Structures are given as structure tokens and as C-alpha cells.
Amino acid sequence: MRDSREIAASLRVSESTLSRWRAEMKGPPFIRIGGVTRYRFEQVEHWLASLGTDEHA
């Protein structure tokens, strides 16, 4: 499990961008554990891969 800081760094976006994506329900899948947002790196990689396959993005 990775935190927002780690995922933001790997995606080269700010933590506030990740926060906005969560609010807009777009961006990598996440879970909240005790109020803390966490990401499964494998799901983030899958989300990234899916971006290239959507012709209408």
C-alpha cells in the first residue's frame, strides 16, 4: 500500500491533484483506512495502462 505522497511522486502530479481526482471520481482507485487514503500500486499501474486504451479520453 502506498500513500498519496508516494503515488503523486510516481505520477508526477501534486498531492492536491490526486485529491481533486478523488473528489471528481477520476484517477487511480484508492481506499481509505482509518481516514487515511491508500493506493495499491498494482491498481495504479492498471489505471495508467487503461488510459492509453480509451479512444475517447
C-alpha atoms as a PDB file:
ATOM      1  CA  MET A   1       0.000   0.000   0.000  1.00  0.00           C
ATOM      2  CA  ARG A   2       1.258   3.455  -0.901  1.00  0.00           C
ATOM      3  CA  ASP A   3       0.252   6.837   0.421  1.00  0.00           C
ATOM      4  CA  SER A   4      -0.791   9.883  -1.596  1.00  0.00           C
ATOM      5  CA  ARG A   5       2.669  11.421  -1.443  1.00  0.00           C
ATOM      6  CA  GLU A   6       4.285   8.356  -2.991  1.00  0.00           C
ATOM      7  CA  ILE A   7       1.654   7.993  -5.703  1.00  0.00           C
ATOM      8  CA  ALA A   8       1.736  11.697  -6.550  1.00  0.00           C
ATOM      9  CA  ALA A   9       5.513  11.486  -6.943  1.00  0.00           C
ATOM     10  CA  SER A  10       5.315   8.404  -9.165  1.00  0.00           C
ATOM     11  CA  LEU A  11       2.633  10.044 -11.355  1.00  0.00           C
ATOM     12  CA  ARG A  12       4.479  13.379 -11.322  1.00  0.00           C
ATOM     13  CA  VAL A  13       1.422  15.282 -10.107  1.00  0.00           C
ATOM     14  CA  SER A  14       0.796  17.188  -6.900  1.00  0.00           C
ATOM     15  CA  GLU A  15      -0.983  15.690  -3.909  1.00  0.00           C
ATOM     16  CA  SER A  16      -3.702  18.293  -4.436  1.00  0.00           C
ATOM     17  CA  THR A  17      -4.248  16.955  -7.964  1.00  0.00           C
ATOM     18  CA  LEU A  18      -4.751  13.468  -6.535  1.00  0.00           C
ATOM     19  CA  SER A  19      -7.172  14.915  -4.003  1.00  0.00           C
ATOM     20  CA  ARG A  20      -9.125  16.663  -6.748  1.00  0.00           C
ATOM     21  CA  TRP A  21      -9.218  13.456  -8.816  1.00  0.00           C
ATOM     22  CA  ARG A  22     -10.627  11.587  -5.802  1.00  0.00           C
ATOM     23  CA  ALA A  23     -13.334  14.222  -5.344  1.00  0.00           C
ATOM     24  CA  GLU A  24     -14.184  14.059  -9.060  1.00  0.00           C
ATOM     25  CA  MET A  25     -14.137  10.239  -9.049  1.00  0.00           C
ATOM     26  CA  LYS A  26     -11.450  10.107 -11.738  1.00  0.00           C
ATOM     27  CA  GLY A  27      -7.927   8.941 -11.208  1.00  0.00           C
ATOM     28  CA  PRO A  28      -6.454   5.789  -9.739  1.00  0.00           C
ATOM     29  CA  PRO A  29      -8.533   3.595  -7.412  1.00  0.00           C
ATOM     30  CA  PHE A  30      -7.952   4.210  -3.720  1.00  0.00           C
ATOM     31  CA  ILE A  31      -9.142   3.029  -0.353  1.00  0.00           C
ATOM     32  CA  ARG A  32      -9.405   4.776   2.989  1.00  0.00           C
ATOM     33  CA  ILE A  33      -8.090   3.059   6.078  1.00  0.00           C
ATOM     34  CA  GLY A  34      -8.887   4.881   9.293  1.00  0.00           C
ATOM     35  CA  GLY A  35      -9.375   8.109   7.352  1.00  0.00           C
ATOM     36  CA  VAL A  36      -6.037   7.765   5.552  1.00  0.00           C
ATOM     37  CA  THR A  37      -6.045   7.388   1.760  1.00  0.00           C
ATOM     38  CA  ARG A  38      -4.006   4.487   0.430  1.00  0.00           C
ATOM     39  CA  TYR A  39      -3.350   3.124  -3.033  1.00  0.00           C
ATOM     40  CA  ARG A  40      -2.465  -0.355  -4.203  1.00  0.00           C
ATOM     41  CA  PHE A  41       0.414   0.193  -6.612  1.00  0.00           C
ATOM     42  CA  GLU A  42      -0.775  -2.614  -8.910  1.00  0.00           C
ATOM     43  CA  GLN A  43      -4.156  -0.891  -9.287  1.00  0.00           C
ATOM     44  CA  VAL A  44      -2.457   2.423 -10.044  1.00  0.00           C
ATOM     45  CA  GLU A  45      -0.386   0.721 -12.755  1.00  0.00           C
ATOM     46  CA  HIS A  46      -3.531  -0.881 -14.196  1.00  0.00           C
ATOM     47  CA  TRP A  47      -5.302   2.511 -14.192  1.00  0.00           C
ATOM     48  CA  LEU A  48      -2.352   4.068 -16.030  1.00  0.00           C
ATOM     49  CA  ALA A  49      -2.369   1.304 -18.621  1.00  0.00           C
ATOM     50  CA  SER A  50      -6.105   1.778 -19.182  1.00  0.00           C
ATOM     51  CA  LEU A  51      -5.609   5.465 -20.045  1.00  0.00           C
ATOM     52  CA  GLY A  52      -3.895   4.562 -23.282  1.00  0.00           C
ATOM     53  CA  THR A  53      -6.692   2.252 -24.423  1.00  0.00           C
ATOM     54  CA  ASP A  54      -9.625   4.669 -24.115  1.00  0.00           C
ATOM     55  CA  GLU A  55     -10.132   6.304 -27.509  1.00  0.00           C
ATOM     56  CA  HIS A  56     -12.426   8.997 -26.074  1.00  0.00           C
ATOM     57  CA  ALA A  57     -10.159  10.240 -23.280  1.00  0.00           C
END
